[in-house]
């Protein structure tokens, strides 16, 4: 059996140390602001999280691009030249066209390298929802699972990756076209905080609403208690957009309510953060299969 590489993209938000420990690589997307384009640096070497989110706090709009074709060519050829097959686990096709581009490039690469194989998986997830699937994939690979077996496992289990998120303000989602302007206005006026999940089609969907910031955290914990599976044997991941104290608070509430093995706190990366804005906090874990389809 040929060895294979696991590749994800900027939307996984997996930090340097986790990717290094698991031997996972990533394809870069780009962010655009002030008329310039930069790669979406999930290692935070180009800028710190605070510097990045302060750009948004000052009123500058940041837009994003999918993974460029040439980036897929670069990273796929890197591992095919090493004699490895590839499984690419990409951001939800409902949020990015990247995985579709990856499939086109993969076909071209397999024609150029007929001895190699490139499998592309649409995770239907983003941020640490994608990240925990990549982590699990790396663990299964280390346990001896073949590329084809892993691809099947991901297709059968990707909707068990659950997301429960809360934004500090609806303004950024409005700018990104994620909510109607009127909904954003009245939500901010009345302190309504939507609880945002990844639905069965890979879209972000406001499944519930809570009153106030702390109320949204309480709702996240309550929803997690209803949906998490086998908490004793898994790590819950809490991601935040430069609001560490809020992330710590939510992590402690989760520890009190859910008997999980551990809670890891990390940053929401440049791509997801450009849509959700600073102050976003979200929890990710394996739970019941998501069947909800947003309106």
C-alpha atoms as a PDB file:
ATOM      1  CA  UNK A   1       0.000   0.000   0.000  1.00  0.00           C
ATOM      2  CA  UNK A   2       1.399   3.397  -1.009  1.00  0.00           C
ATOM      3  CA  UNK A   3       1.802   5.969   1.703  1.00  0.00           C
ATOM      4  CA  UNK A   4      -0.511   8.953   1.447  1.00  0.00           C
ATOM      5  CA  UNK A   5      -0.553  12.565   2.603  1.00  0.00           C
ATOM      6  CA  UNK A   6      -3.444  14.345   4.299  1.00  0.00           C
ATOM      7  CA  UNK A   7      -3.991  17.889   3.060  1.00  0.00           C
ATOM      8  CA  UNK A   8      -6.594  20.421   4.177  1.00  0.00           C
ATOM      9  CA  UNK A   9      -6.917  24.173   3.565  1.00  0.00           C
ATOM     10  CA  UNK A  10      -6.916  27.533   5.340  1.00  0.00           C
ATOM     11  CA  UNK A  11     -10.476  27.019   6.582  1.00  0.00           C
ATOM     12  CA  UNK A  12      -9.420  24.213   8.932  1.00  0.00           C
ATOM     13  CA  UNK A  13      -7.787  26.773  11.275  1.00  0.00           C
ATOM     14  CA  UNK A  14      -5.508  24.038  12.666  1.00  0.00           C
ATOM     15  CA  UNK A  15      -2.485  25.680  14.301  1.00  0.00           C
ATOM     16  CA  UNK A  16       1.135  24.893  13.539  1.00  0.00           C
ATOM     17  CA  UNK A  17       1.693  22.504  16.427  1.00  0.00           C
ATOM     18  CA  UNK A  18      -1.323  20.302  15.677  1.00  0.00           C
ATOM     19  CA  UNK A  19      -0.530  20.055  11.962  1.00  0.00           C
ATOM     20  CA  UNK A  20       3.111  19.276  12.734  1.00  0.00           C
ATOM     21  CA  UNK A  21       2.219  16.562  15.242  1.00  0.00           C
ATOM     22  CA  UNK A  22      -0.169  14.917  12.787  1.00  0.00           C
ATOM     23  CA  UNK A  23       1.909  15.431   9.644  1.00  0.00           C
ATOM     24  CA  UNK A  24      -0.872  17.405   7.927  1.00  0.00           C
ATOM     25  CA  UNK A  25      -0.297  20.073   5.271  1.00  0.00           C
ATOM     26  CA  UNK A  26      -2.661  22.768   3.995  1.00  0.00           C
ATOM     27  CA  UNK A  27      -3.481  24.635   0.781  1.00  0.00           C
ATOM     28  CA  UNK A  28      -3.622  28.379   1.191  1.00  0.00           C
ATOM     29  CA  UNK A  29      -6.547  30.635   0.460  1.00  0.00           C
ATOM     30  CA  UNK A  30      -6.165  34.419   0.275  1.00  0.00           C
ATOM     31  CA  UNK A  31      -7.579  37.494   1.990  1.00  0.00           C
ATOM     32  CA  UNK A  32      -7.967  40.915   0.372  1.00  0.00           C
ATOM     33  CA  UNK A  33      -8.067  44.330   2.037  1.00  0.00           C
ATOM     34  CA  UNK A  34      -6.861  47.848   1.259  1.00  0.00           C
ATOM     35  CA  UNK A  35      -6.477  46.804  -2.363  1.00  0.00           C
ATOM     36  CA  UNK A  36      -3.877  44.120  -1.623  1.00  0.00           C
ATOM     37  CA  UNK A  37      -4.036  40.328  -1.528  1.00  0.00           C
ATOM     38  CA  UNK A  38      -2.352  38.241   1.153  1.00  0.00           C
ATOM     39  CA  UNK A  39      -2.332  34.509   1.788  1.00  0.00           C
ATOM     40  CA  UNK A  40      -4.555  33.408   4.655  1.00  0.00           C
ATOM     41  CA  UNK A  41      -1.906  32.686   7.258  1.00  0.00           C
ATOM     42  CA  UNK A  42      -3.272  30.267   9.870  1.00  0.00           C
ATOM     43  CA  UNK A  43       0.177  30.222  11.492  1.00  0.00           C
ATOM     44  CA  UNK A  44      -0.218  33.956  12.216  1.00  0.00           C
ATOM     45  CA  UNK A  45       3.266  34.887  10.986  1.00  0.00           C
ATOM     46  CA  UNK A  46       2.175  37.735   8.709  1.00  0.00           C
ATOM     47  CA  UNK A  47       0.182  39.347  11.495  1.00  0.00           C
ATOM     48  CA  UNK A  48      -1.013  38.504  14.986  1.00  0.00           C
ATOM     49  CA  UNK A  49      -4.691  37.644  15.555  1.00  0.00           C
ATOM     50  CA  UNK A  50      -5.199  40.978  17.326  1.00  0.00           C
ATOM     51  CA  UNK A  51      -3.580  42.905  14.465  1.00  0.00           C
ATOM     52  CA  UNK A  52      -5.773  41.087  11.949  1.00  0.00           C
ATOM     53  CA  UNK A  53      -9.064  41.517  13.763  1.00  0.00           C
ATOM     54  CA  UNK A  54      -8.219  45.156  14.579  1.00  0.00           C
ATOM     55  CA  UNK A  55      -8.271  45.802  10.835  1.00  0.00           C
ATOM     56  CA  UNK A  56     -11.934  44.817  10.911  1.00  0.00           C
ATOM     57  CA  UNK A  57     -12.620  46.674  14.149  1.00  0.00           C
ATOM     58  CA  UNK A  58     -11.395  49.870  12.458  1.00  0.00           C
ATOM     59  CA  UNK A  59     -14.007  49.446   9.729  1.00  0.00           C
ATOM     60  CA  UNK A  60     -11.970  47.906   6.901  1.00  0.00           C
ATOM     61  CA  UNK A  61     -13.780  45.148   5.056  1.00  0.00           C
ATOM     62  CA  UNK A  62     -11.777  41.993   4.419  1.00  0.00           C
ATOM     63  CA  UNK A  63     -12.830  39.706   1.580  1.00  0.00           C
ATOM     64  CA  UNK A  64     -11.576  36.210   0.828  1.00  0.00           C
ATOM     65  CA  UNK A  65     -10.716  34.035  -2.157  1.00  0.00           C
ATOM     66  CA  UNK A  66     -10.792  30.296  -2.650  1.00  0.00           C
ATOM     67  CA  UNK A  67      -7.622  28.225  -3.004  1.00  0.00           C
ATOM     68  CA  UNK A  68      -6.008  29.241  -6.329  1.00  0.00           C
ATOM     69  CA  UNK A  69      -5.500  26.564  -8.969  1.00  0.00           C
ATOM     70  CA  UNK A  70      -1.741  27.039  -8.897  1.00  0.00           C
ATOM     71  CA  UNK A  71      -1.700  26.399  -5.129  1.00  0.00           C
ATOM     72  CA  UNK A  72      -3.384  23.029  -5.631  1.00  0.00           C
ATOM     73  CA  UNK A  73      -0.907  22.196  -8.403  1.00  0.00           C
ATOM     74  CA  UNK A  74       1.981  23.118  -6.111  1.00  0.00           C
ATOM     75  CA  UNK A  75       0.887  21.117  -3.097  1.00  0.00           C
ATOM     76  CA  UNK A  76      -0.410  18.067  -4.990  1.00  0.00           C
ATOM     77  CA  UNK A  77       2.780  17.808  -7.054  1.00  0.00           C
ATOM     78  CA  UNK A  78       4.885  18.142  -3.925  1.00  0.00           C
ATOM     79  CA  UNK A  79       3.540  14.882  -2.494  1.00  0.00           C
ATOM     80  CA  UNK A  80       3.062  13.022  -5.774  1.00  0.00           C
ATOM     81  CA  UNK A  81       6.742  13.673  -6.503  1.00  0.00           C
ATOM     82  CA  UNK A  82       7.526  12.080  -3.133  1.00  0.00           C
ATOM     83  CA  UNK A  83       5.711   8.939  -4.258  1.00  0.00           C
ATOM     84  CA  UNK A  84       2.680   9.518  -2.033  1.00  0.00           C
ATOM     85  CA  UNK A  85      -1.018   9.444  -2.772  1.00  0.00           C
ATOM     86  CA  UNK A  86      -3.162  12.283  -1.414  1.00  0.00           C
ATOM     87  CA  UNK A  87      -6.434  12.791   0.386  1.00  0.00           C
ATOM     88  CA  UNK A  88      -7.572  16.410   0.414  1.00  0.00           C
ATOM     89  CA  UNK A  89     -10.214  17.296   3.011  1.00  0.00           C
ATOM     90  CA  UNK A  90     -11.605  20.662   1.980  1.00  0.00           C
ATOM     91  CA  UNK A  91     -13.857  23.415   3.255  1.00  0.00           C
ATOM     92  CA  UNK A  92     -17.588  22.997   2.739  1.00  0.00           C
ATOM     93  CA  UNK A  93     -18.627  23.433  -0.903  1.00  0.00           C
ATOM     94  CA  UNK A  94     -21.553  25.508   0.391  1.00  0.00           C
ATOM     95  CA  UNK A  95     -19.092  28.143   1.603  1.00  0.00           C
ATOM     96  CA  UNK A  96     -16.223  27.908  -0.888  1.00  0.00           C
ATOM     97  CA  UNK A  97     -15.636  26.735  -4.437  1.00  0.00           C
ATOM     98  CA  UNK A  98     -12.221  25.408  -3.440  1.00  0.00           C
ATOM     99  CA  UNK A  99     -13.069  21.703  -3.286  1.00  0.00           C
ATOM    100  CA  UNK A 100     -14.545  21.854  -6.803  1.00  0.00           C
ATOM    101  CA  UNK A 101     -11.316  23.377  -8.103  1.00  0.00           C
ATOM    102  CA  UNK A 102      -9.366  20.724  -6.211  1.00  0.00           C
ATOM    103  CA  UNK A 103     -11.300  17.957  -7.992  1.00  0.00           C
ATOM    104  CA  UNK A 104     -10.415  19.436 -11.406  1.00  0.00           C
ATOM    105  CA  UNK A 105      -6.730  19.755 -10.493  1.00  0.00           C
ATOM    106  CA  UNK A 106      -6.706  16.256  -8.972  1.00  0.00           C
ATOM    107  CA  UNK A 107      -7.914  14.772 -12.270  1.00  0.00           C
ATOM    108  CA  UNK A 108      -5.162  16.616 -14.152  1.00  0.00           C
ATOM    109  CA  UNK A 109      -2.530  15.488 -11.660  1.00  0.00           C
ATOM    110  CA  UNK A 110      -3.553  11.840 -11.932  1.00  0.00           C
ATOM    111  CA  UNK A 111      -3.205  12.058 -15.709  1.00  0.00           C
ATOM    112  CA  UNK A 112       0.285  13.514 -15.244  1.00  0.00           C
ATOM    113  CA  UNK A 113       1.189  11.043 -12.475  1.00  0.00           C
ATOM    114  CA  UNK A 114      -0.722   7.860 -13.463  1.00  0.00           C
ATOM    115  CA  UNK A 115       0.833   5.870 -10.623  1.00  0.00           C
ATOM    116  CA  UNK A 116      -0.599   8.308  -8.074  1.00  0.00           C
ATOM    117  CA  UNK A 117      -4.065   8.865  -6.611  1.00  0.00           C
ATOM    118  CA  UNK A 118      -5.662  12.088  -5.348  1.00  0.00           C
ATOM    119  CA  UNK A 119      -8.984  11.875  -3.491  1.00  0.00           C
ATOM    120  CA  UNK A 120     -10.931  15.050  -2.685  1.00  0.00           C
ATOM    121  CA  UNK A 121     -13.461  15.086   0.151  1.00  0.00           C
ATOM    122  CA  UNK A 122     -16.065  17.827   0.587  1.00  0.00           C
ATOM    123  CA  UNK A 123     -16.190  18.040   4.379  1.00  0.00           C
ATOM    124  CA  UNK A 124     -19.374  20.167   4.444  1.00  0.00           C
ATOM    125  CA  UNK A 125     -17.669  21.800   7.418  1.00  0.00           C
ATOM    126  CA  UNK A 126     -15.384  24.772   8.169  1.00  0.00           C
ATOM    127  CA  UNK A 127     -13.173  26.150  10.957  1.00  0.00           C
ATOM    128  CA  UNK A 128     -12.566  23.500  13.632  1.00  0.00           C
ATOM    129  CA  UNK A 129     -15.528  21.523  12.301  1.00  0.00           C
ATOM    130  CA  UNK A 130     -13.256  20.795   9.339  1.00  0.00           C
ATOM    131  CA  UNK A 131     -10.300  20.699  11.717  1.00  0.00           C
ATOM    132  CA  UNK A 132     -11.608  17.892  13.917  1.00  0.00           C
ATOM    133  CA  UNK A 133     -12.324  15.780  10.828  1.00  0.00           C
ATOM    134  CA  UNK A 134      -8.721  16.296   9.721  1.00  0.00           C
ATOM    135  CA  UNK A 135      -7.433  15.403  13.199  1.00  0.00           C
ATOM    136  CA  UNK A 136      -9.546  12.246  13.242  1.00  0.00           C
ATOM    137  CA  UNK A 137      -8.398  11.367   9.723  1.00  0.00           C
ATOM    138  CA  UNK A 138      -4.749  11.624  10.778  1.00  0.00           C
ATOM    139  CA  UNK A 139      -5.405   9.407  13.801  1.00  0.00           C
ATOM    140  CA  UNK A 140      -7.142   6.795  11.644  1.00  0.00           C
ATOM    141  CA  UNK A 141      -4.260   6.887   9.154  1.00  0.00           C
ATOM    142  CA  UNK A 142      -1.779   6.294  11.975  1.00  0.00           C
ATOM    143  CA  UNK A 143      -3.969   3.369  13.033  1.00  0.00           C
ATOM    144  CA  UNK A 144      -3.440   1.750   9.641  1.00  0.00           C
ATOM    145  CA  UNK A 145      -6.520   2.848   7.701  1.00  0.00           C
ATOM    146  CA  UNK A 146      -6.016   2.926   3.933  1.00  0.00           C
ATOM    147  CA  UNK A 147      -6.751   5.955   1.781  1.00  0.00           C
ATOM    148  CA  UNK A 148      -9.928   4.418   0.347  1.00  0.00           C
ATOM    149  CA  UNK A 149     -11.124   3.309   3.785  1.00  0.00           C
ATOM    150  CA  UNK A 150     -10.481   6.783   5.172  1.00  0.00           C
ATOM    151  CA  UNK A 151     -12.340   8.421   2.297  1.00  0.00           C
ATOM    152  CA  UNK A 152     -15.349   6.192   2.997  1.00  0.00           C
ATOM    153  CA  UNK A 153     -15.169   6.927   6.730  1.00  0.00           C
ATOM    154  CA  UNK A 154     -15.166  10.676   6.117  1.00  0.00           C
ATOM    155  CA  UNK A 155     -18.111  10.507   3.740  1.00  0.00           C
ATOM    156  CA  UNK A 156     -20.094   8.453   6.264  1.00  0.00           C
ATOM    157  CA  UNK A 157     -19.192  10.475   9.364  1.00  0.00           C
ATOM    158  CA  UNK A 158     -18.570  14.095   8.353  1.00  0.00           C
ATOM    159  CA  UNK A 159     -22.015  15.248   9.493  1.00  0.00           C
ATOM    160  CA  UNK A 160     -21.205  14.097  13.046  1.00  0.00           C
ATOM    161  CA  UNK A 161     -18.828  17.073  13.308  1.00  0.00           C
ATOM    162  CA  UNK A 162     -20.956  19.613  15.193  1.00  0.00           C
ATOM    163  CA  UNK A 163     -20.593  23.393  15.374  1.00  0.00           C
ATOM    164  CA  UNK A 164     -22.223  25.744  17.885  1.00  0.00           C
ATOM    165  CA  UNK A 165     -21.165  29.359  17.430  1.00  0.00           C
ATOM    166  CA  UNK A 166     -22.087  32.816  18.708  1.00  0.00           C
ATOM    167  CA  UNK A 167     -21.104  36.133  17.152  1.00  0.00           C
ATOM    168  CA  UNK A 168     -20.572  39.340  19.128  1.00  0.00           C
ATOM    169  CA  UNK A 169     -22.305  41.450  16.485  1.00  0.00           C
ATOM    170  CA  UNK A 170     -24.302  40.590  13.367  1.00  0.00           C
ATOM    171  CA  UNK A 171     -22.696  43.426  11.381  1.00  0.00           C
ATOM    172  CA  UNK A 172     -19.908  41.320   9.871  1.00  0.00           C
ATOM    173  CA  UNK A 173     -22.263  38.537   8.828  1.00  0.00           C
ATOM    174  CA  UNK A 174     -24.445  41.206   7.211  1.00  0.00           C
ATOM    175  CA  UNK A 175     -21.481  42.595   5.243  1.00  0.00           C
ATOM    176  CA  UNK A 176     -20.559  39.079   4.133  1.00  0.00           C
ATOM    177  CA  UNK A 177     -24.137  38.488   2.953  1.00  0.00           C
ATOM    178  CA  UNK A 178     -24.887  35.898   5.652  1.00  0.00           C
ATOM    179  CA  UNK A 179     -27.916  37.692   7.148  1.00  0.00           C
ATOM    180  CA  UNK A 180     -30.368  40.284   5.898  1.00  0.00           C
ATOM    181  CA  UNK A 181     -29.621  43.886   6.821  1.00  0.00           C
ATOM    182  CA  UNK A 182     -32.890  44.212   8.734  1.00  0.00           C
ATOM    183  CA  UNK A 183     -32.176  41.071  10.741  1.00  0.00           C
ATOM    184  CA  UNK A 184     -28.740  42.395  11.634  1.00  0.00           C
ATOM    185  CA  UNK A 185     -30.157  45.758  12.721  1.00  0.00           C
ATOM    186  CA  UNK A 186     -32.897  44.390  14.954  1.00  0.00           C
ATOM    187  CA  UNK A 187     -30.630  41.649  16.286  1.00  0.00           C
ATOM    188  CA  UNK A 188     -28.071  44.209  17.434  1.00  0.00           C
ATOM    189  CA  UNK A 189     -30.701  46.576  18.830  1.00  0.00           C
ATOM    190  CA  UNK A 190     -32.407  43.921  20.939  1.00  0.00           C
ATOM    191  CA  UNK A 191     -29.280  41.977  21.846  1.00  0.00           C
ATOM    192  CA  UNK A 192     -30.345  38.844  19.978  1.00  0.00           C
ATOM    193  CA  UNK A 193     -27.487  36.391  19.507  1.00  0.00           C
ATOM    194  CA  UNK A 194     -28.046  33.648  16.939  1.00  0.00           C
ATOM    195  CA  UNK A 195     -26.548  30.219  17.611  1.00  0.00           C
ATOM    196  CA  UNK A 196     -24.956  29.249  14.324  1.00  0.00           C
ATOM    197  CA  UNK A 197     -24.547  25.618  13.309  1.00  0.00           C
ATOM    198  CA  UNK A 198     -23.173  23.875  10.214  1.00  0.00           C
ATOM    199  CA  UNK A 199     -26.249  22.287   8.685  1.00  0.00           C
ATOM    200  CA  UNK A 200     -26.548  19.048   6.716  1.00  0.00           C
ATOM    201  CA  UNK A 201     -25.757  20.845   3.452  1.00  0.00           C
ATOM    202  CA  UNK A 202     -22.681  22.589   4.844  1.00  0.00           C
ATOM    203  CA  UNK A 203     -24.230  26.026   5.235  1.00  0.00           C
ATOM    204  CA  UNK A 204     -23.990  28.169   8.355  1.00  0.00           C
ATOM    205  CA  UNK A 205     -27.490  28.410   9.791  1.00  0.00           C
ATOM    206  CA  UNK A 206     -28.915  30.261  12.779  1.00  0.00           C
ATOM    207  CA  UNK A 207     -30.646  27.311  14.427  1.00  0.00           C
ATOM    208  CA  UNK A 208     -31.600  29.111  17.644  1.00  0.00           C
ATOM    209  CA  UNK A 209     -31.476  32.552  19.188  1.00  0.00           C
ATOM    210  CA  UNK A 210     -30.393  33.621  22.662  1.00  0.00           C
ATOM    211  CA  UNK A 211     -30.695  36.867  24.609  1.00  0.00           C
ATOM    212  CA  UNK A 212     -27.362  38.488  25.331  1.00  0.00           C
ATOM    213  CA  UNK A 213     -23.755  37.359  25.191  1.00  0.00           C
ATOM    214  CA  UNK A 214     -23.794  35.122  28.269  1.00  0.00           C
ATOM    215  CA  UNK A 215     -27.172  33.772  27.229  1.00  0.00           C
ATOM    216  CA  UNK A 216     -25.655  32.587  23.958  1.00  0.00           C
ATOM    217  CA  UNK A 217     -22.942  30.702  25.846  1.00  0.00           C
ATOM    218  CA  UNK A 218     -25.567  29.063  28.052  1.00  0.00           C
ATOM    219  CA  UNK A 219     -27.494  27.990  24.956  1.00  0.00           C
ATOM    220  CA  UNK A 220     -24.332  26.553  23.368  1.00  0.00           C
ATOM    221  CA  UNK A 221     -23.681  24.440  26.455  1.00  0.00           C
ATOM    222  CA  UNK A 222     -27.292  23.253  26.609  1.00  0.00           C
ATOM    223  CA  UNK A 223     -27.300  22.292  22.945  1.00  0.00           C
ATOM    224  CA  UNK A 224     -23.994  20.492  23.337  1.00  0.00           C
ATOM    225  CA  UNK A 225     -25.326  18.448  26.250  1.00  0.00           C
ATOM    226  CA  UNK A 226     -28.167  17.275  24.005  1.00  0.00           C
ATOM    227  CA  UNK A 227     -26.016  16.321  21.025  1.00  0.00           C
ATOM    228  CA  UNK A 228     -22.477  15.315  22.068  1.00  0.00           C
ATOM    229  CA  UNK A 229     -21.593  11.611  21.773  1.00  0.00           C
ATOM    230  CA  UNK A 230     -19.006   9.769  23.892  1.00  0.00           C
ATOM    231  CA  UNK A 231     -17.663  12.974  25.509  1.00  0.00           C
ATOM    232  CA  UNK A 232     -15.319  11.094  27.847  1.00  0.00           C
ATOM    233  CA  UNK A 233     -13.185  10.056  24.885  1.00  0.00           C
ATOM    234  CA  UNK A 234     -12.974  13.272  22.930  1.00  0.00           C
ATOM    235  CA  UNK A 235     -11.562  16.779  23.082  1.00  0.00           C
ATOM    236  CA  UNK A 236     -13.953  19.677  22.549  1.00  0.00           C
ATOM    237  CA  UNK A 237     -12.446  22.541  20.540  1.00  0.00           C
ATOM    238  CA  UNK A 238     -13.357  26.138  21.356  1.00  0.00           C
ATOM    239  CA  UNK A 239     -12.341  28.670  18.709  1.00  0.00           C
ATOM    240  CA  UNK A 240     -12.419  32.424  19.109  1.00  0.00           C
ATOM    241  CA  UNK A 241     -11.844  35.573  17.064  1.00  0.00           C
ATOM    242  CA  UNK A 242      -9.556  37.518  19.414  1.00  0.00           C
ATOM    243  CA  UNK A 243     -11.730  37.245  22.521  1.00  0.00           C
ATOM    244  CA  UNK A 244      -9.738  34.867  24.685  1.00  0.00           C
ATOM    245  CA  UNK A 245     -11.512  35.604  27.976  1.00  0.00           C
ATOM    246  CA  UNK A 246     -14.886  34.736  26.466  1.00  0.00           C
ATOM    247  CA  UNK A 247     -13.405  31.538  25.030  1.00  0.00           C
ATOM    248  CA  UNK A 248     -12.007  30.622  28.447  1.00  0.00           C
ATOM    249  CA  UNK A 249     -15.394  31.286  30.043  1.00  0.00           C
ATOM    250  CA  UNK A 250     -17.178  29.043  27.538  1.00  0.00           C
ATOM    251  CA  UNK A 251     -14.521  26.342  27.960  1.00  0.00           C
ATOM    252  CA  UNK A 252     -15.038  26.324  31.729  1.00  0.00           C
ATOM    253  CA  UNK A 253     -18.815  26.123  31.334  1.00  0.00           C
ATOM    254  CA  UNK A 254     -18.374  23.175  28.972  1.00  0.00           C
ATOM    255  CA  UNK A 255     -16.077  21.420  31.460  1.00  0.00           C
ATOM    256  CA  UNK A 256     -18.702  21.847  34.192  1.00  0.00           C
ATOM    257  CA  UNK A 257     -21.576  20.564  32.083  1.00  0.00           C
ATOM    258  CA  UNK A 258     -19.981  17.964  29.813  1.00  0.00           C
ATOM    259  CA  UNK A 259     -17.638  15.232  31.004  1.00  0.00           C
ATOM    260  CA  UNK A 260     -15.304  15.567  28.030  1.00  0.00           C
ATOM    261  CA  UNK A 261     -11.691  14.427  28.020  1.00  0.00           C
ATOM    262  CA  UNK A 262     -10.337  17.928  27.429  1.00  0.00           C
ATOM    263  CA  UNK A 263     -11.134  21.356  25.984  1.00  0.00           C
ATOM    264  CA  UNK A 264      -8.707  22.959  23.539  1.00  0.00           C
ATOM    265  CA  UNK A 265      -8.820  26.705  22.850  1.00  0.00           C
ATOM    266  CA  UNK A 266      -7.613  28.047  19.510  1.00  0.00           C
ATOM    267  CA  UNK A 267      -8.078  30.944  17.123  1.00  0.00           C
ATOM    268  CA  UNK A 268     -10.626  31.333  14.371  1.00  0.00           C
ATOM    269  CA  UNK A 269      -8.480  31.895  11.310  1.00  0.00           C
ATOM    270  CA  UNK A 270      -8.365  34.699   8.731  1.00  0.00           C
ATOM    271  CA  UNK A 271     -10.867  33.172   6.275  1.00  0.00           C
ATOM    272  CA  UNK A 272     -13.681  32.308   8.682  1.00  0.00           C
ATOM    273  CA  UNK A 273     -12.921  35.374  10.789  1.00  0.00           C
ATOM    274  CA  UNK A 274     -13.425  37.662   7.787  1.00  0.00           C
ATOM    275  CA  UNK A 275     -17.092  36.606   7.683  1.00  0.00           C
ATOM    276  CA  UNK A 276     -17.886  36.237  11.384  1.00  0.00           C
ATOM    277  CA  UNK A 277     -15.836  39.171  12.668  1.00  0.00           C
ATOM    278  CA  UNK A 278     -13.987  39.714  15.948  1.00  0.00           C
ATOM    279  CA  UNK A 279     -15.691  38.494  19.094  1.00  0.00           C
ATOM    280  CA  UNK A 280     -16.986  35.247  17.604  1.00  0.00           C
ATOM    281  CA  UNK A 281     -16.771  32.149  19.806  1.00  0.00           C
ATOM    282  CA  UNK A 282     -17.657  28.624  18.688  1.00  0.00           C
ATOM    283  CA  UNK A 283     -17.454  25.073  20.028  1.00  0.00           C
ATOM    284  CA  UNK A 284     -16.723  22.002  17.890  1.00  0.00           C
ATOM    285  CA  UNK A 285     -17.124  18.340  18.771  1.00  0.00           C
ATOM    286  CA  UNK A 286     -18.319  14.966  17.511  1.00  0.00           C
ATOM    287  CA  UNK A 287     -21.962  14.341  18.235  1.00  0.00           C
ATOM    288  CA  UNK A 288     -25.223  13.179  16.742  1.00  0.00           C
ATOM    289  CA  UNK A 289     -25.373  13.390  12.968  1.00  0.00           C
ATOM    290  CA  UNK A 290     -26.606  16.801  11.883  1.00  0.00           C
ATOM    291  CA  UNK A 291     -29.853  16.484   9.922  1.00  0.00           C
ATOM    292  CA  UNK A 292     -31.086  20.086  10.076  1.00  0.00           C
ATOM    293  CA  UNK A 293     -31.221  21.892   6.733  1.00  0.00           C
ATOM    294  CA  UNK A 294     -31.326  25.660   6.995  1.00  0.00           C
ATOM    295  CA  UNK A 295     -33.989  27.728   5.283  1.00  0.00           C
END
